[in-house]
Amino acid sequence: MEDNTKKVKIAVNGGINFGSKLSAKQLLVLAKYLGDEEIELTTFQQLYLEIPADQKQDIIAEFEEAGLQCYPVGNFVKSLRTCNFCKGAEAEGMPVAIELNNRIAGIPVPFTLKPAYTGCPIGCGEPMVNDIGVMKVKDTYNLYVGGKTKGQDAVAGKLIRENLTPEQLYIVVDKIIQLYSEQGKKREPFHKFVNRIGYETLNEHLY
């Protein structure tokens, strides 16, 4: 019999932690709603799956109880891509990464925006080739914008702020996303937006 249940796609991951890991409990609760469906693993450390629309809130609550984090799919700020925090949570700024993710993930934007974070200059989280990149250097944070990962015109982002405190970092990233939300054209990728308005205009907005 054909299943006519209306489905909605959501993005799920294990949260900001030591690498892209899932526990047995998390895998079991995901499997509960898969049935014969496939689950899609994205390059941005998220799993895409479809769930019944009329059960969305209850299912998300069940996922979150298992320690999963859920995000909307589409033109939103993605959850923060991170490194593996190989030197430890405090040393590589995990609390800052978690707070930044909580502040920005899921915000509506003109086109999918991909932020990334790394806890040291080795850059395992690939911050320099994503839309917004954060790199912890000693006890402060450097911020890059405008990176592009794909295509023959792939490019590293530009360093626009150095030696930020966590609070300064949150404020600057909030302002960048606000500007993009207000002035970006429909379906305009972030790197094109930055190139269109120019770094001078971007910096003026941040000041």
N, C-alpha and C. Protein backbone atom coordinates (compact mmCIF):
# COMPACT_ATOMS: atom_id res chain seq x y z
N MET A 1 0.84 -1.20 0.00
CA MET A 1 0.00 0.00 0.00
C MET A 1 0.88 1.25 0.00
N GLU A 2 0.53 2.20 -0.82
CA GLU A 2 1.33 3.42 -0.94
C GLU A 2 1.19 4.27 0.32
N ASP A 3 2.31 4.78 0.81
CA ASP A 3 2.31 5.64 1.99
C ASP A 3 2.19 7.09 1.54
N ASN A 4 1.05 7.70 1.86
CA ASN A 4 0.81 9.09 1.45
C ASN A 4 1.11 10.08 2.57
N THR A 5 1.77 9.62 3.60
CA THR A 5 2.10 10.52 4.71
C THR A 5 3.02 11.64 4.24
N LYS A 6 2.65 12.87 4.57
CA LYS A 6 3.48 14.02 4.20
C LYS A 6 4.77 13.99 5.00
N LYS A 7 5.91 14.14 4.31
CA LYS A 7 7.21 14.09 4.97
C LYS A 7 7.90 15.46 4.93
N VAL A 8 8.75 15.68 5.88
CA VAL A 8 9.56 16.89 5.91
C VAL A 8 11.01 16.48 6.16
N LYS A 9 11.95 17.14 5.48
CA LYS A 9 13.37 16.80 5.62
C LYS A 9 13.99 17.66 6.72
N ILE A 10 14.77 17.01 7.59
CA ILE A 10 15.52 17.73 8.61
C ILE A 10 16.98 17.30 8.57
N ALA A 11 17.83 18.14 9.13
CA ALA A 11 19.25 17.83 9.25
C ALA A 11 19.56 17.50 10.71
N VAL A 12 20.37 16.47 10.92
CA VAL A 12 20.66 15.99 12.27
C VAL A 12 22.16 15.73 12.41
N ASN A 13 22.71 16.05 13.57
CA ASN A 13 24.06 15.59 13.88
C ASN A 13 24.21 15.40 15.38
N GLY A 14 25.38 14.98 15.80
CA GLY A 14 25.62 14.69 17.21
C GLY A 14 26.03 15.90 18.01
N GLY A 15 25.93 17.10 17.43
CA GLY A 15 26.31 18.32 18.13
C GLY A 15 27.79 18.63 18.00
N ILE A 16 28.19 19.72 18.63
CA ILE A 16 29.59 20.14 18.62
C ILE A 16 30.32 19.32 19.67
N ASN A 17 31.23 18.45 19.23
CA ASN A 17 31.86 17.51 20.15
C ASN A 17 33.19 17.08 19.58
N PHE A 18 33.76 16.01 20.12
CA PHE A 18 35.04 15.51 19.64
C PHE A 18 34.85 14.70 18.36
N GLY A 19 34.82 15.40 17.24
CA GLY A 19 34.66 14.72 15.96
C GLY A 19 33.20 14.45 15.62
N SER A 20 32.98 13.90 14.46
CA SER A 20 31.62 13.62 13.98
C SER A 20 31.22 12.22 14.43
N LYS A 21 30.77 12.12 15.67
CA LYS A 21 30.48 10.82 16.25
C LYS A 21 29.01 10.70 16.62
N LEU A 22 28.50 9.46 16.57
CA LEU A 22 27.16 9.15 17.03
C LEU A 22 27.23 7.96 17.97
N SER A 23 26.43 7.97 19.02
CA SER A 23 26.39 6.87 19.96
C SER A 23 25.41 5.80 19.49
N ALA A 24 25.45 4.64 20.13
CA ALA A 24 24.51 3.57 19.80
C ALA A 24 23.07 4.03 20.03
N LYS A 25 22.84 4.76 21.12
CA LYS A 25 21.50 5.27 21.42
C LYS A 25 21.00 6.18 20.31
N GLN A 26 21.89 7.04 19.81
CA GLN A 26 21.51 7.96 18.75
C GLN A 26 21.22 7.23 17.45
N LEU A 27 22.02 6.23 17.13
CA LEU A 27 21.80 5.44 15.92
C LEU A 27 20.47 4.69 15.99
N LEU A 28 20.12 4.18 17.16
CA LEU A 28 18.87 3.44 17.32
C LEU A 28 17.66 4.35 17.13
N VAL A 29 17.72 5.54 17.68
CA VAL A 29 16.56 6.43 17.54
C VAL A 29 16.43 6.93 16.11
N LEU A 30 17.54 7.06 15.40
CA LEU A 30 17.47 7.42 13.98
C LEU A 30 16.87 6.27 13.17
N ALA A 31 17.32 5.06 13.46
CA ALA A 31 16.84 3.88 12.73
C ALA A 31 15.34 3.68 12.92
N LYS A 32 14.83 4.09 14.05
CA LYS A 32 13.40 3.94 14.36
C LYS A 32 12.53 4.63 13.32
N TYR A 33 13.03 5.74 12.74
CA TYR A 33 12.22 6.51 11.80
C TYR A 33 12.67 6.37 10.35
N LEU A 34 13.63 5.50 10.11
CA LEU A 34 14.11 5.31 8.74
C LEU A 34 13.22 4.38 7.92
N GLY A 35 12.80 3.28 8.52
CA GLY A 35 12.04 2.29 7.75
C GLY A 35 12.89 1.78 6.62
N ASP A 36 12.35 1.82 5.40
CA ASP A 36 13.10 1.40 4.21
C ASP A 36 13.80 2.58 3.54
N GLU A 37 13.72 3.75 4.16
CA GLU A 37 14.32 4.94 3.57
C GLU A 37 15.83 4.94 3.75
N GLU A 38 16.51 5.70 2.92
CA GLU A 38 17.94 5.89 3.06
C GLU A 38 18.20 7.16 3.85
N ILE A 39 19.36 7.22 4.49
CA ILE A 39 19.76 8.43 5.19
C ILE A 39 20.94 9.04 4.45
N GLU A 40 20.90 10.33 4.25
CA GLU A 40 21.92 11.02 3.45
C GLU A 40 22.93 11.70 4.37
N LEU A 41 24.21 11.40 4.17
CA LEU A 41 25.29 12.03 4.90
C LEU A 41 25.87 13.15 4.05
N THR A 42 25.84 14.37 4.55
CA THR A 42 26.35 15.51 3.80
C THR A 42 27.83 15.73 4.10
N THR A 43 28.45 16.58 3.31
CA THR A 43 29.85 16.91 3.52
C THR A 43 30.03 17.86 4.70
N PHE A 44 28.92 18.33 5.25
CA PHE A 44 29.00 19.31 6.33
C PHE A 44 28.63 18.71 7.68
N GLN A 45 28.97 17.42 7.85
CA GLN A 45 28.80 16.75 9.13
C GLN A 45 27.35 16.72 9.59
N GLN A 46 26.44 16.55 8.64
CA GLN A 46 25.02 16.42 8.96
C GLN A 46 24.43 15.20 8.26
N LEU A 47 23.38 14.67 8.86
CA LEU A 47 22.58 13.61 8.25
C LEU A 47 21.24 14.19 7.86
N TYR A 48 20.81 13.91 6.63
CA TYR A 48 19.49 14.33 6.18
C TYR A 48 18.55 13.14 6.22
N LEU A 49 17.39 13.32 6.82
CA LEU A 49 16.38 12.28 6.76
C LEU A 49 15.00 12.91 6.73
N GLU A 50 14.03 12.14 6.21
CA GLU A 50 12.66 12.61 6.11
C GLU A 50 11.83 11.97 7.21
N ILE A 51 11.01 12.79 7.88
CA ILE A 51 10.15 12.31 8.95
C ILE A 51 8.72 12.79 8.68
N PRO A 52 7.71 12.13 9.27
CA PRO A 52 6.32 12.57 9.08
C PRO A 52 6.14 14.00 9.58
N ALA A 53 5.56 14.85 8.74
CA ALA A 53 5.41 16.27 9.09
C ALA A 53 4.55 16.46 10.33
N ASP A 54 3.52 15.64 10.49
CA ASP A 54 2.61 15.83 11.62
C ASP A 54 3.20 15.34 12.94
N GLN A 55 4.37 14.68 12.88
CA GLN A 55 5.04 14.23 14.10
C GLN A 55 6.37 14.95 14.32
N LYS A 56 6.61 15.97 13.54
CA LYS A 56 7.92 16.62 13.53
C LYS A 56 8.39 17.04 14.91
N GLN A 57 7.57 17.77 15.66
CA GLN A 57 8.01 18.29 16.95
C GLN A 57 8.28 17.17 17.95
N ASP A 58 7.44 16.16 17.95
CA ASP A 58 7.64 15.04 18.88
C ASP A 58 8.90 14.26 18.54
N ILE A 59 9.15 14.06 17.23
CA ILE A 59 10.35 13.32 16.82
C ILE A 59 11.61 14.11 17.13
N ILE A 60 11.58 15.41 16.88
CA ILE A 60 12.74 16.25 17.20
C ILE A 60 13.02 16.21 18.71
N ALA A 61 11.97 16.26 19.51
CA ALA A 61 12.15 16.17 20.97
C ALA A 61 12.80 14.84 21.36
N GLU A 62 12.39 13.76 20.68
CA GLU A 62 12.97 12.45 20.96
C GLU A 62 14.44 12.41 20.54
N PHE A 63 14.75 13.00 19.38
CA PHE A 63 16.14 13.07 18.93
C PHE A 63 17.00 13.85 19.93
N GLU A 64 16.48 14.99 20.36
CA GLU A 64 17.24 15.84 21.27
C GLU A 64 17.45 15.15 22.62
N GLU A 65 16.48 14.37 23.04
CA GLU A 65 16.62 13.63 24.29
C GLU A 65 17.77 12.61 24.19
N ALA A 66 18.01 12.11 22.97
CA ALA A 66 19.10 11.17 22.73
C ALA A 66 20.44 11.87 22.51
N GLY A 67 20.43 13.21 22.56
CA GLY A 67 21.68 13.95 22.40
C GLY A 67 21.94 14.42 20.98
N LEU A 68 20.98 14.24 20.08
CA LEU A 68 21.12 14.72 18.71
C LEU A 68 20.69 16.18 18.63
N GLN A 69 21.24 16.90 17.66
CA GLN A 69 20.79 18.26 17.39
C GLN A 69 20.14 18.29 16.01
N CYS A 70 19.05 19.03 15.89
CA CYS A 70 18.27 19.07 14.65
C CYS A 70 18.24 20.48 14.08
N TYR A 71 18.30 20.56 12.76
CA TYR A 71 18.37 21.86 12.08
C TYR A 71 17.46 21.83 10.85
N PRO A 72 17.00 23.00 10.41
CA PRO A 72 16.21 23.05 9.18
C PRO A 72 17.09 22.82 7.95
N VAL A 73 16.48 22.36 6.87
CA VAL A 73 17.18 22.13 5.61
C VAL A 73 16.75 23.21 4.61
N GLY A 74 17.70 23.77 3.90
CA GLY A 74 17.37 24.79 2.90
C GLY A 74 18.26 26.00 3.06
N ASN A 75 17.71 27.18 2.82
CA ASN A 75 18.48 28.41 2.85
C ASN A 75 18.57 28.95 4.28
N PHE A 76 19.42 28.29 5.05
CA PHE A 76 19.66 28.66 6.44
C PHE A 76 21.17 28.59 6.70
N VAL A 77 21.59 29.19 7.81
CA VAL A 77 22.98 28.99 8.26
C VAL A 77 23.11 27.55 8.74
N LYS A 78 24.08 26.83 8.20
CA LYS A 78 24.29 25.44 8.58
C LYS A 78 24.89 25.37 9.98
N SER A 79 24.84 24.19 10.57
CA SER A 79 25.54 23.99 11.84
C SER A 79 27.04 24.09 11.59
N LEU A 80 27.75 24.43 12.63
CA LEU A 80 29.18 24.73 12.51
C LEU A 80 29.98 23.47 12.20
N ARG A 81 30.72 23.53 11.09
CA ARG A 81 31.66 22.45 10.80
C ARG A 81 32.87 22.64 11.70
N THR A 82 33.32 21.57 12.35
CA THR A 82 34.40 21.72 13.33
C THR A 82 35.53 20.73 13.10
N CYS A 83 36.64 20.97 13.82
CA CYS A 83 37.74 20.02 13.85
C CYS A 83 37.44 18.98 14.93
N ASN A 84 38.38 18.13 15.23
CA ASN A 84 38.17 17.05 16.19
C ASN A 84 38.55 17.42 17.63
N PHE A 85 38.93 18.69 17.86
CA PHE A 85 39.32 19.14 19.20
C PHE A 85 40.36 18.18 19.81
N CYS A 86 41.39 17.89 19.01
CA CYS A 86 42.34 16.84 19.40
C CYS A 86 43.16 17.19 20.63
N LYS A 87 43.29 18.47 20.96
CA LYS A 87 44.05 18.85 22.15
C LYS A 87 43.15 19.10 23.36
N GLY A 88 41.86 18.82 23.21
CA GLY A 88 40.96 18.96 24.35
C GLY A 88 39.98 20.11 24.21
N ALA A 89 38.88 20.00 24.95
CA ALA A 89 37.78 20.95 24.84
C ALA A 89 38.20 22.39 25.16
N GLU A 90 38.85 22.58 26.28
CA GLU A 90 39.21 23.93 26.69
C GLU A 90 40.33 24.48 25.82
N ALA A 91 41.35 23.64 25.53
CA ALA A 91 42.50 24.10 24.76
C ALA A 91 42.10 24.59 23.38
N GLU A 92 41.11 23.96 22.78
CA GLU A 92 40.75 24.34 21.41
C GLU A 92 39.43 25.10 21.32
N GLY A 93 38.91 25.51 22.47
CA GLY A 93 37.78 26.43 22.45
C GLY A 93 36.43 25.81 22.15
N MET A 94 36.19 24.57 22.58
CA MET A 94 34.90 23.95 22.32
C MET A 94 33.72 24.76 22.87
N PRO A 95 33.81 25.31 24.09
CA PRO A 95 32.68 26.11 24.58
C PRO A 95 32.33 27.28 23.65
N VAL A 96 33.35 27.88 23.05
CA VAL A 96 33.11 28.99 22.11
C VAL A 96 32.44 28.47 20.84
N ALA A 97 32.90 27.34 20.35
CA ALA A 97 32.29 26.75 19.16
C ALA A 97 30.83 26.39 19.41
N ILE A 98 30.54 25.83 20.57
CA ILE A 98 29.16 25.48 20.91
C ILE A 98 28.28 26.72 20.97
N GLU A 99 28.77 27.76 21.64
CA GLU A 99 27.99 29.00 21.75
C GLU A 99 27.76 29.64 20.39
N LEU A 100 28.80 29.67 19.56
CA LEU A 100 28.65 30.24 18.23
C LEU A 100 27.62 29.47 17.42
N ASN A 101 27.70 28.15 17.49
CA ASN A 101 26.73 27.31 16.76
C ASN A 101 25.30 27.59 17.26
N ASN A 102 25.12 27.69 18.57
CA ASN A 102 23.79 27.96 19.12
C ASN A 102 23.24 29.30 18.67
N ARG A 103 24.12 30.25 18.45
CA ARG A 103 23.68 31.60 18.07
C ARG A 103 23.29 31.69 16.60
N ILE A 104 23.97 30.94 15.73
CA ILE A 104 23.78 31.20 14.30
C ILE A 104 23.12 30.08 13.51
N ALA A 105 23.24 28.83 13.95
CA ALA A 105 22.70 27.72 13.15
C ALA A 105 21.19 27.82 13.03
N GLY A 106 20.70 27.73 11.79
CA GLY A 106 19.26 27.77 11.55
C GLY A 106 18.71 29.14 11.22
N ILE A 107 19.54 30.18 11.19
CA ILE A 107 19.07 31.52 10.82
C ILE A 107 18.76 31.55 9.31
N PRO A 108 17.60 32.06 8.90
CA PRO A 108 17.29 32.15 7.47
C PRO A 108 18.23 33.13 6.76
N VAL A 109 18.74 32.74 5.60
CA VAL A 109 19.63 33.58 4.79
C VAL A 109 19.25 33.41 3.32
N PRO A 110 19.73 34.30 2.43
CA PRO A 110 19.38 34.20 1.01
C PRO A 110 19.77 32.88 0.36
N PHE A 111 20.86 32.28 0.80
CA PHE A 111 21.32 31.00 0.26
C PHE A 111 22.11 30.29 1.36
N THR A 112 22.11 28.97 1.32
CA THR A 112 22.78 28.19 2.36
C THR A 112 24.17 28.76 2.69
N LEU A 113 24.40 29.02 3.98
CA LEU A 113 25.66 29.60 4.43
C LEU A 113 26.38 28.59 5.31
N LYS A 114 27.65 28.36 5.01
CA LYS A 114 28.41 27.32 5.71
C LYS A 114 29.52 27.94 6.55
N PRO A 115 29.36 27.91 7.88
CA PRO A 115 30.42 28.37 8.77
C PRO A 115 31.29 27.20 9.23
N ALA A 116 32.53 27.49 9.55
CA ALA A 116 33.45 26.43 9.99
C ALA A 116 34.34 26.96 11.11
N TYR A 117 34.79 26.04 11.95
CA TYR A 117 35.59 26.40 13.13
C TYR A 117 36.74 25.41 13.28
N THR A 118 37.90 25.94 13.66
CA THR A 118 39.02 25.06 13.99
C THR A 118 39.71 25.58 15.24
N GLY A 119 40.18 24.65 16.06
CA GLY A 119 40.75 25.02 17.35
C GLY A 119 42.21 25.38 17.35
N CYS A 120 42.87 25.32 16.18
CA CYS A 120 44.28 25.69 16.10
C CYS A 120 44.64 25.98 14.64
N PRO A 121 45.82 26.54 14.37
CA PRO A 121 46.19 26.91 13.00
C PRO A 121 46.35 25.76 12.02
N ILE A 122 46.33 24.50 12.48
CA ILE A 122 46.39 23.38 11.53
C ILE A 122 45.16 23.41 10.63
N GLY A 123 44.03 23.83 11.16
CA GLY A 123 42.86 24.08 10.33
C GLY A 123 42.07 22.87 9.90
N CYS A 124 41.96 21.84 10.74
CA CYS A 124 41.22 20.63 10.34
C CYS A 124 39.75 20.89 10.04
N GLY A 125 39.18 21.92 10.64
CA GLY A 125 37.78 22.26 10.38
C GLY A 125 37.58 23.01 9.08
N GLU A 126 38.66 23.28 8.35
CA GLU A 126 38.63 23.93 7.04
C GLU A 126 37.97 25.31 7.06
N PRO A 127 38.35 26.17 8.00
CA PRO A 127 37.70 27.48 8.08
C PRO A 127 38.02 28.42 6.93
N MET A 128 39.17 28.24 6.30
CA MET A 128 39.57 29.21 5.29
C MET A 128 38.89 29.00 3.94
N VAL A 129 38.23 27.87 3.74
CA VAL A 129 37.58 27.63 2.46
C VAL A 129 36.06 27.55 2.59
N ASN A 130 35.53 28.02 3.72
CA ASN A 130 34.09 28.08 3.89
C ASN A 130 33.62 29.53 3.93
N ASP A 131 32.31 29.72 3.94
CA ASP A 131 31.76 31.07 3.87
C ASP A 131 32.26 31.95 5.01
N ILE A 132 32.14 31.44 6.21
CA ILE A 132 32.66 32.13 7.39
C ILE A 132 33.54 31.14 8.15
N GLY A 133 34.76 31.52 8.44
CA GLY A 133 35.69 30.61 9.10
C GLY A 133 36.28 31.22 10.35
N VAL A 134 36.34 30.43 11.40
CA VAL A 134 36.92 30.88 12.67
C VAL A 134 38.11 29.98 13.00
N MET A 135 39.23 30.61 13.33
CA MET A 135 40.43 29.87 13.72
C MET A 135 40.92 30.37 15.07
N LYS A 136 41.02 29.48 16.05
CA LYS A 136 41.55 29.84 17.36
C LYS A 136 43.07 29.87 17.28
N VAL A 137 43.64 30.97 17.70
CA VAL A 137 45.09 31.13 17.73
C VAL A 137 45.48 31.56 19.14
N LYS A 138 46.11 30.66 19.87
CA LYS A 138 46.40 30.85 21.29
C LYS A 138 45.09 31.10 22.03
N ASP A 139 44.90 32.29 22.59
CA ASP A 139 43.69 32.54 23.38
C ASP A 139 42.71 33.46 22.68
N THR A 140 42.93 33.72 21.39
CA THR A 140 42.03 34.61 20.65
C THR A 140 41.59 33.93 19.35
N TYR A 141 40.77 34.65 18.57
CA TYR A 141 40.13 34.06 17.41
C TYR A 141 40.29 34.95 16.18
N ASN A 142 40.68 34.32 15.07
CA ASN A 142 40.78 35.00 13.78
C ASN A 142 39.56 34.65 12.94
N LEU A 143 39.09 35.62 12.17
CA LEU A 143 37.86 35.43 11.40
C LEU A 143 38.12 35.64 9.91
N TYR A 144 37.69 34.65 9.11
CA TYR A 144 37.83 34.69 7.66
C TYR A 144 36.44 34.69 7.02
N VAL A 145 36.30 35.37 5.90
CA VAL A 145 35.02 35.34 5.19
C VAL A 145 35.27 35.20 3.69
N GLY A 146 34.28 34.66 2.99
CA GLY A 146 34.30 34.63 1.54
C GLY A 146 35.00 33.46 0.91
N GLY A 147 35.29 32.40 1.67
CA GLY A 147 35.91 31.23 1.07
C GLY A 147 34.95 30.48 0.17
N LYS A 148 35.50 29.71 -0.77
CA LYS A 148 34.68 28.92 -1.70
C LYS A 148 35.37 27.58 -1.89
N THR A 149 34.64 26.50 -1.62
CA THR A 149 35.25 25.17 -1.63
C THR A 149 35.23 24.48 -2.98
N LYS A 150 34.28 24.84 -3.84
CA LYS A 150 34.06 24.06 -5.05
C LYS A 150 34.36 24.86 -6.32
N GLY A 151 34.61 24.12 -7.40
CA GLY A 151 34.78 24.74 -8.71
C GLY A 151 36.22 25.14 -9.01
N GLN A 152 36.45 25.47 -10.26
CA GLN A 152 37.78 25.89 -10.67
C GLN A 152 38.17 27.24 -10.09
N ASP A 153 37.15 27.98 -9.60
CA ASP A 153 37.42 29.29 -8.99
C ASP A 153 37.40 29.20 -7.46
N ALA A 154 37.63 28.00 -6.92
CA ALA A 154 37.71 27.84 -5.47
C ALA A 154 38.77 28.78 -4.91
N VAL A 155 38.48 29.34 -3.74
CA VAL A 155 39.40 30.35 -3.19
C VAL A 155 39.35 30.32 -1.67
N ALA A 156 40.45 30.71 -1.04
CA ALA A 156 40.47 30.83 0.41
C ALA A 156 39.79 32.13 0.82
N GLY A 157 39.19 32.12 2.00
CA GLY A 157 38.57 33.32 2.52
C GLY A 157 39.61 34.35 2.92
N LYS A 158 39.14 35.57 3.14
CA LYS A 158 40.03 36.67 3.51
C LYS A 158 39.95 36.91 5.02
N LEU A 159 41.12 37.08 5.62
CA LEU A 159 41.19 37.39 7.04
C LEU A 159 40.70 38.82 7.26
N ILE A 160 39.62 38.97 8.02
CA ILE A 160 39.08 40.32 8.24
C ILE A 160 39.20 40.79 9.68
N ARG A 161 39.39 39.87 10.62
CA ARG A 161 39.58 40.26 12.01
C ARG A 161 40.57 39.30 12.68
N GLU A 162 41.45 39.85 13.50
CA GLU A 162 42.41 39.04 14.25
C GLU A 162 42.26 39.29 15.74
N ASN A 163 42.66 38.31 16.53
CA ASN A 163 42.79 38.47 17.98
C ASN A 163 41.48 38.88 18.66
N LEU A 164 40.37 38.30 18.20
CA LEU A 164 39.07 38.60 18.80
C LEU A 164 38.88 37.81 20.10
N THR A 165 38.22 38.43 21.05
CA THR A 165 37.75 37.70 22.22
C THR A 165 36.49 36.93 21.80
N PRO A 166 36.05 35.96 22.60
CA PRO A 166 34.81 35.27 22.24
C PRO A 166 33.63 36.22 22.03
N GLU A 167 33.44 37.19 22.93
CA GLU A 167 32.30 38.10 22.79
C GLU A 167 32.42 38.95 21.53
N GLN A 168 33.63 39.40 21.21
CA GLN A 168 33.83 40.15 19.98
C GLN A 168 33.52 39.28 18.76
N LEU A 169 33.93 38.03 18.82
CA LEU A 169 33.67 37.10 17.72
C LEU A 169 32.18 36.94 17.49
N TYR A 170 31.41 36.71 18.56
CA TYR A 170 29.97 36.52 18.42
C TYR A 170 29.33 37.75 17.77
N ILE A 171 29.73 38.93 18.23
CA ILE A 171 29.13 40.17 17.73
C ILE A 171 29.44 40.37 16.25
N VAL A 172 30.69 40.15 15.86
CA VAL A 172 31.09 40.35 14.46
C VAL A 172 30.37 39.35 13.54
N VAL A 173 30.31 38.08 13.94
CA VAL A 173 29.63 37.08 13.11
C VAL A 173 28.14 37.40 13.02
N ASP A 174 27.53 37.81 14.12
CA ASP A 174 26.12 38.20 14.09
C ASP A 174 25.89 39.32 13.09
N LYS A 175 26.77 40.31 13.08
CA LYS A 175 26.61 41.45 12.17
C LYS A 175 26.78 41.03 10.71
N ILE A 176 27.72 40.13 10.44
CA ILE A 176 27.93 39.66 9.07
C ILE A 176 26.69 38.94 8.56
N ILE A 177 26.15 38.05 9.38
CA ILE A 177 24.96 37.30 8.96
C ILE A 177 23.76 38.22 8.81
N GLN A 178 23.63 39.20 9.69
CA GLN A 178 22.54 40.16 9.58
C GLN A 178 22.63 40.94 8.27
N LEU A 179 23.83 41.38 7.92
CA LEU A 179 24.03 42.12 6.67
C LEU A 179 23.67 41.26 5.47
N TYR A 180 24.12 40.03 5.47
CA TYR A 180 23.81 39.10 4.37
C TYR A 180 22.30 38.84 4.29
N SER A 181 21.66 38.68 5.43
CA SER A 181 20.22 38.44 5.45
C SER A 181 19.45 39.62 4.87
N GLU A 182 19.91 40.83 5.15
CA GLU A 182 19.20 42.03 4.73
C GLU A 182 19.52 42.47 3.31
N GLN A 183 20.76 42.27 2.87
CA GLN A 183 21.18 42.83 1.59
C GLN A 183 21.54 41.79 0.53
N GLY A 184 21.60 40.52 0.90
CA GLY A 184 21.88 39.49 -0.09
C GLY A 184 20.69 39.28 -1.01
N LYS A 185 20.97 39.00 -2.28
CA LYS A 185 19.91 38.72 -3.24
C LYS A 185 19.44 37.28 -3.07
N LYS A 186 18.23 37.01 -3.51
CA LYS A 186 17.68 35.66 -3.40
C LYS A 186 18.60 34.65 -4.09
N ARG A 187 18.97 33.61 -3.37
CA ARG A 187 19.83 32.53 -3.85
C ARG A 187 21.22 33.02 -4.28
N GLU A 188 21.66 34.12 -3.69
CA GLU A 188 23.02 34.62 -3.95
C GLU A 188 23.99 33.98 -2.96
N PRO A 189 24.92 33.14 -3.42
CA PRO A 189 25.89 32.54 -2.51
C PRO A 189 26.67 33.61 -1.74
N PHE A 190 27.09 33.26 -0.55
CA PHE A 190 27.73 34.24 0.31
C PHE A 190 29.00 34.82 -0.31
N HIS A 191 29.83 33.96 -0.96
CA HIS A 191 31.07 34.50 -1.52
C HIS A 191 30.79 35.51 -2.63
N LYS A 192 29.71 35.31 -3.38
CA LYS A 192 29.33 36.28 -4.42
C LYS A 192 28.82 37.57 -3.78
N PHE A 193 28.08 37.42 -2.70
CA PHE A 193 27.61 38.60 -1.97
C PHE A 193 28.77 39.44 -1.47
N VAL A 194 29.77 38.79 -0.88
CA VAL A 194 30.93 39.51 -0.36
C VAL A 194 31.68 40.20 -1.50
N ASN A 195 31.85 39.53 -2.62
CA ASN A 195 32.54 40.13 -3.76
C ASN A 195 31.74 41.29 -4.34
N ARG A 196 30.41 41.18 -4.30
CA ARG A 196 29.56 42.24 -4.87
C ARG A 196 29.61 43.51 -4.02
N ILE A 197 29.48 43.37 -2.71
CA ILE A 197 29.46 44.57 -1.86
C ILE A 197 30.87 45.07 -1.57
N GLY A 198 31.86 44.18 -1.62
CA GLY A 198 33.24 44.55 -1.37
C GLY A 198 33.60 44.50 0.11
N TYR A 199 34.86 44.22 0.37
CA TYR A 199 35.32 44.10 1.75
C TYR A 199 35.30 45.44 2.47
N GLU A 200 35.47 46.54 1.72
CA GLU A 200 35.43 47.86 2.36
C GLU A 200 34.05 48.12 2.96
N THR A 201 33.00 47.83 2.19
CA THR A 201 31.64 48.01 2.69
C THR A 201 31.36 47.08 3.86
N LEU A 202 31.84 45.84 3.75
CA LEU A 202 31.65 44.89 4.84
C LEU A 202 32.29 45.40 6.11
N ASN A 203 33.51 45.90 6.02
CA ASN A 203 34.20 46.41 7.19
C ASN A 203 33.52 47.65 7.77
N GLU A 204 32.98 48.51 6.91
CA GLU A 204 32.25 49.68 7.38
C GLU A 204 31.03 49.25 8.21
N HIS A 205 30.35 48.22 7.76
CA HIS A 205 29.18 47.71 8.49
C HIS A 205 29.59 47.16 9.84
N LEU A 206 30.73 46.51 9.90
CA LEU A 206 31.18 45.90 11.16
C LEU A 206 31.60 46.96 12.17
N TYR A 207 32.09 48.11 11.69
CA TYR A 207 32.47 49.18 12.60
C TYR A 207 31.26 49.98 13.04
